[in-house]
């Protein structure tokens, strides 16, 4: 009789547990603002994350009743619809998008507001000599959704070159050129005029490989003398945002971005 009672209790407990909603562990950790999804995957792979005192794997899921730790620290997971913070920064030339640099160059992170319980995650990068729009968020899932190549989120840049592009050159840039890491092309290329020998063009692409725009132009013998990112997805560089300064988006603006890009 006692054995039957214990068995029934165990069945009820298992039924309750199986009915609890779970989510992917690395996604939940990314939503806390601790880092990107990839960074959280690496943390799990390194054996630094546990669920109910058992070492977690990347395939694991977690629920509200699970106790998740990174090393010995319990992590409060976010299962609700709490909005992240989103920051826009106007990056000048001469700054790197990294926390650590062997050459001790200025970092964009030095200019951002300090956070106590999370960290700013850069959505995409700009190289040392490129300026313009940088987006930061505290939500690693949103960052992944905007950056991952499969989502084809548009990036728009203002490009200055010396001279004008010929019709043949323009066609090559739109149809595609070969780079060392695969083919690449612009989905749009629009002339914006210029003064003297300098001419400006606005180009759009749907990925963010290292120095991609400069390398695309180099394949047709053109050197880019100025490069400014002016748009990332639906987010534009605010005209009044000065170089080296940042602005945090309002709740309404974050809700609009979140509703468009944050997918389950």
Protein backbone atom coordinates (compact mmCIF):
# COMPACT_ATOMS: atom_id res chain seq x y z
CA UNK A 1 0.00 0.00 0.00
CA UNK A 2 2.81 2.37 0.91
CA UNK A 3 4.67 1.46 -2.28
CA UNK A 4 1.60 2.28 -4.36
CA UNK A 5 1.26 5.69 -2.64
CA UNK A 6 4.88 6.58 -3.39
CA UNK A 7 4.44 5.50 -6.99
CA UNK A 8 1.34 7.67 -7.41
CA UNK A 9 3.13 10.70 -5.92
CA UNK A 10 6.05 10.17 -8.30
CA UNK A 11 3.67 9.96 -11.28
CA UNK A 12 1.94 13.19 -10.26
CA UNK A 13 5.32 14.92 -9.85
CA UNK A 14 6.49 13.74 -13.29
CA UNK A 15 3.19 14.81 -14.88
CA UNK A 16 3.53 18.29 -13.39
CA UNK A 17 7.13 18.58 -14.60
CA UNK A 18 6.27 17.42 -18.12
CA UNK A 19 3.48 20.01 -18.36
CA UNK A 20 5.82 22.91 -17.57
CA UNK A 21 6.86 25.00 -20.57
CA UNK A 22 10.55 24.76 -21.43
CA UNK A 23 12.82 26.80 -23.67
CA UNK A 24 16.29 26.26 -25.10
CA UNK A 25 18.87 26.86 -22.40
CA UNK A 26 21.31 28.93 -24.46
CA UNK A 27 18.44 31.14 -25.65
CA UNK A 28 17.24 31.74 -22.07
CA UNK A 29 20.77 32.64 -20.95
CA UNK A 30 21.16 35.05 -23.89
CA UNK A 31 17.91 36.77 -22.92
CA UNK A 32 19.33 37.61 -19.50
CA UNK A 33 21.89 39.93 -21.10
CA UNK A 34 24.92 37.81 -20.20
CA UNK A 35 26.04 37.55 -23.81
CA UNK A 36 25.10 36.40 -27.29
CA UNK A 37 23.60 32.98 -28.05
CA UNK A 38 26.94 31.79 -29.43
CA UNK A 39 28.76 32.98 -26.30
CA UNK A 40 26.24 31.11 -24.15
CA UNK A 41 26.69 27.96 -26.25
CA UNK A 42 30.45 28.13 -25.67
CA UNK A 43 29.87 28.58 -21.94
CA UNK A 44 27.68 25.47 -21.89
CA UNK A 45 30.17 23.48 -23.99
CA UNK A 46 32.89 24.41 -21.50
CA UNK A 47 30.89 22.71 -18.74
CA UNK A 48 30.32 25.91 -16.76
CA UNK A 49 26.52 25.71 -16.76
CA UNK A 50 24.40 23.35 -14.65
CA UNK A 51 20.69 22.57 -14.46
CA UNK A 52 19.62 21.28 -11.06
CA UNK A 53 23.29 20.63 -10.22
CA UNK A 54 23.86 18.52 -13.37
CA UNK A 55 26.25 19.73 -16.07
CA UNK A 56 24.18 21.04 -18.99
CA UNK A 57 24.56 20.37 -22.70
CA UNK A 58 23.79 22.71 -25.60
CA UNK A 59 20.67 20.68 -26.49
CA UNK A 60 19.17 21.08 -23.01
CA UNK A 61 15.99 23.00 -22.24
CA UNK A 62 14.99 24.64 -18.97
CA UNK A 63 11.78 25.70 -17.25
CA UNK A 64 10.74 28.00 -14.41
CA UNK A 65 11.11 25.18 -11.87
CA UNK A 66 14.72 24.41 -12.84
CA UNK A 67 17.69 25.90 -11.01
CA UNK A 68 20.30 27.08 -13.53
CA UNK A 69 23.78 28.07 -12.42
CA UNK A 70 26.85 29.46 -14.16
CA UNK A 71 29.68 28.09 -12.04
CA UNK A 72 28.17 28.59 -8.55
CA UNK A 73 25.97 31.59 -9.31
CA UNK A 74 22.22 31.03 -9.70
CA UNK A 75 20.88 32.73 -12.85
CA UNK A 76 17.42 34.30 -12.85
CA UNK A 77 16.00 33.30 -16.23
CA UNK A 78 13.59 35.54 -18.09
CA UNK A 79 10.51 33.68 -19.37
CA UNK A 80 8.33 36.74 -19.71
CA UNK A 81 8.16 39.52 -22.27
CA UNK A 82 10.47 41.92 -20.48
CA UNK A 83 11.84 44.32 -23.05
CA UNK A 84 15.59 44.61 -23.59
CA UNK A 85 17.50 47.85 -23.75
CA UNK A 86 18.65 49.10 -27.14
CA UNK A 87 21.31 51.74 -27.62
CA UNK A 88 22.36 53.53 -30.82
CA UNK A 89 25.95 54.77 -31.07
CA UNK A 90 27.52 56.94 -33.75
CA UNK A 91 30.94 55.36 -34.13
CA UNK A 92 33.76 57.61 -35.34
CA UNK A 93 36.80 56.34 -37.22
CA UNK A 94 39.62 55.25 -34.94
CA UNK A 95 37.68 53.05 -32.51
CA UNK A 96 37.45 49.26 -32.36
CA UNK A 97 34.35 47.19 -31.62
CA UNK A 98 35.97 44.97 -29.01
CA UNK A 99 36.53 44.81 -25.26
CA UNK A 100 40.16 43.77 -25.65
CA UNK A 101 42.81 45.02 -28.04
CA UNK A 102 46.52 44.09 -27.95
CA UNK A 103 47.35 47.52 -29.40
CA UNK A 104 45.34 49.33 -26.70
CA UNK A 105 43.29 51.31 -29.21
CA UNK A 106 40.16 53.19 -28.10
CA UNK A 107 37.08 50.96 -27.83
CA UNK A 108 33.45 51.84 -28.52
CA UNK A 109 32.56 50.13 -25.23
CA UNK A 110 34.47 52.83 -23.31
CA UNK A 111 31.80 55.35 -24.35
CA UNK A 112 28.71 53.33 -23.39
CA UNK A 113 26.65 53.61 -20.17
CA UNK A 114 27.75 51.08 -17.54
CA UNK A 115 25.47 48.13 -16.75
CA UNK A 116 25.35 46.30 -13.40
CA UNK A 117 23.67 42.95 -14.11
CA UNK A 118 24.09 42.51 -17.87
CA UNK A 119 26.31 43.74 -20.69
CA UNK A 120 26.00 45.54 -23.99
CA UNK A 121 26.07 43.20 -26.98
CA UNK A 122 27.17 44.76 -30.27
CA UNK A 123 24.88 43.95 -33.19
CA UNK A 124 27.43 43.59 -35.96
CA UNK A 125 30.78 45.31 -36.15
CA UNK A 126 32.42 48.19 -37.96
CA UNK A 127 36.12 48.10 -38.73
CA UNK A 128 38.62 50.58 -37.30
CA UNK A 129 38.35 53.01 -40.24
CA UNK A 130 34.57 52.80 -40.71
CA UNK A 131 32.10 55.07 -38.95
CA UNK A 132 28.35 55.28 -38.53
CA UNK A 133 25.55 53.35 -36.87
CA UNK A 134 26.29 50.76 -34.21
CA UNK A 135 23.47 49.08 -32.32
CA UNK A 136 23.84 47.60 -28.84
CA UNK A 137 21.33 45.54 -26.88
CA UNK A 138 21.09 43.57 -23.65
CA UNK A 139 19.28 40.71 -25.41
CA UNK A 140 21.47 38.10 -27.11
CA UNK A 141 18.52 36.51 -28.92
CA UNK A 142 17.58 39.80 -30.57
CA UNK A 143 21.24 40.38 -31.49
CA UNK A 144 21.41 36.96 -33.14
CA UNK A 145 18.15 37.59 -35.02
CA UNK A 146 19.54 40.80 -36.51
CA UNK A 147 23.03 39.50 -37.29
CA UNK A 148 22.56 35.95 -38.56
CA UNK A 149 23.02 35.73 -42.38
CA UNK A 150 19.95 33.52 -42.85
CA UNK A 151 17.64 36.38 -41.86
CA UNK A 152 19.11 38.66 -44.56
CA UNK A 153 18.67 41.89 -42.60
CA UNK A 154 19.71 44.82 -44.79
CA UNK A 155 22.72 47.00 -44.00
CA UNK A 156 22.96 50.31 -45.86
CA UNK A 157 26.19 52.30 -46.25
CA UNK A 158 27.28 55.60 -47.72
CA UNK A 159 30.47 54.98 -49.73
CA UNK A 160 32.89 57.61 -51.03
CA UNK A 161 35.28 56.78 -53.86
CA UNK A 162 37.50 58.74 -56.22
CA UNK A 163 35.95 59.01 -59.68
CA UNK A 164 32.66 57.61 -60.97
CA UNK A 165 31.70 54.01 -61.52
CA UNK A 166 31.27 52.91 -65.12
CA UNK A 167 28.19 50.96 -66.23
CA UNK A 168 30.29 47.78 -66.38
CA UNK A 169 31.59 48.32 -62.85
CA UNK A 170 28.09 49.00 -61.52
CA UNK A 171 26.81 45.82 -63.15
CA UNK A 172 29.62 43.77 -61.60
CA UNK A 173 28.87 45.11 -58.13
CA UNK A 174 25.19 44.17 -58.47
CA UNK A 175 25.56 40.78 -60.18
CA UNK A 176 28.40 39.67 -57.91
CA UNK A 177 32.16 39.38 -57.53
CA UNK A 178 34.37 36.69 -56.03
CA UNK A 179 36.06 37.30 -52.68
CA UNK A 180 38.40 34.99 -50.80
CA UNK A 181 35.50 33.74 -48.67
CA UNK A 182 32.88 33.37 -51.42
CA UNK A 183 30.89 35.51 -53.80
CA UNK A 184 29.40 38.84 -52.74
CA UNK A 185 27.20 41.54 -54.24
CA UNK A 186 25.16 44.60 -53.43
CA UNK A 187 21.38 44.29 -53.61
CA UNK A 188 21.21 48.01 -54.37
CA UNK A 189 23.66 50.66 -55.58
CA UNK A 190 22.51 54.28 -55.99
CA UNK A 191 24.67 57.26 -56.99
CA UNK A 192 24.46 60.18 -54.55
CA UNK A 193 26.59 62.76 -56.34
CA UNK A 194 29.75 64.41 -55.06
CA UNK A 195 32.21 67.29 -55.35
CA UNK A 196 35.33 67.37 -57.49
CA UNK A 197 36.78 63.93 -58.03
CA UNK A 198 34.96 62.39 -55.05
CA UNK A 199 31.67 60.61 -55.59
CA UNK A 200 29.23 59.09 -53.12
CA UNK A 201 27.13 55.96 -53.52
CA UNK A 202 24.61 54.28 -51.23
CA UNK A 203 24.91 50.50 -51.22
CA UNK A 204 22.85 47.79 -49.53
CA UNK A 205 23.87 44.25 -48.64
CA UNK A 206 22.29 41.53 -46.51
CA UNK A 207 25.25 40.20 -44.58
CA UNK A 208 28.17 41.50 -42.59
CA UNK A 209 31.45 39.81 -43.47
CA UNK A 210 34.77 41.35 -42.42
CA UNK A 211 35.62 44.44 -44.54
CA UNK A 212 33.16 43.18 -47.13
CA UNK A 213 32.29 46.49 -48.79
CA UNK A 214 35.90 47.60 -49.12
CA UNK A 215 36.86 44.19 -50.50
CA UNK A 216 34.01 44.21 -53.04
CA UNK A 217 35.18 47.56 -54.41
CA UNK A 218 38.81 46.42 -54.41
CA UNK A 219 37.94 43.56 -56.81
CA UNK A 220 37.12 46.17 -59.48
CA UNK A 221 40.18 48.29 -58.69
CA UNK A 222 38.41 50.93 -56.57
CA UNK A 223 39.60 52.12 -53.16
CA UNK A 224 36.95 53.27 -50.68
CA UNK A 225 38.08 56.51 -49.02
CA UNK A 226 35.11 56.89 -46.66
CA UNK A 227 32.56 54.41 -45.37
CA UNK A 228 29.56 55.19 -43.16
CA UNK A 229 26.84 52.80 -42.04
CA UNK A 230 23.56 54.71 -42.17
CA UNK A 231 20.99 51.96 -41.62
CA UNK A 232 20.70 48.48 -40.11
CA UNK A 233 17.35 46.84 -40.86
CA UNK A 234 14.61 49.31 -39.92
CA UNK A 235 16.96 51.27 -37.65
CA UNK A 236 18.50 54.41 -39.16
CA UNK A 237 21.39 56.53 -37.91
CA UNK A 238 19.69 59.53 -36.24
CA UNK A 239 20.73 62.72 -38.10
CA UNK A 240 21.31 64.63 -34.85
CA UNK A 241 23.37 61.91 -33.15
CA UNK A 242 26.92 63.26 -33.03
CA UNK A 243 29.98 61.08 -33.49
CA UNK A 244 31.15 59.45 -30.30
CA UNK A 245 27.72 59.84 -28.69
CA UNK A 246 24.93 57.36 -27.96
CA UNK A 247 21.19 57.48 -27.45
CA UNK A 248 18.94 54.90 -25.78
CA UNK A 249 15.68 54.04 -27.52
CA UNK A 250 12.35 54.57 -25.78
CA UNK A 251 10.10 51.68 -24.74
CA UNK A 252 7.79 52.33 -27.68
CA UNK A 253 10.73 52.22 -30.11
CA UNK A 254 12.08 49.02 -28.52
CA UNK A 255 8.63 47.40 -28.70
CA UNK A 256 8.43 48.21 -32.42
CA UNK A 257 11.87 46.68 -33.12
CA UNK A 258 11.21 43.71 -30.85
CA UNK A 259 7.88 42.92 -32.53
CA UNK A 260 9.54 42.88 -35.96
CA UNK A 261 12.76 40.99 -35.21
CA UNK A 262 12.26 38.93 -32.05
CA UNK A 263 10.96 35.53 -33.18
CA UNK A 264 10.45 32.45 -31.04
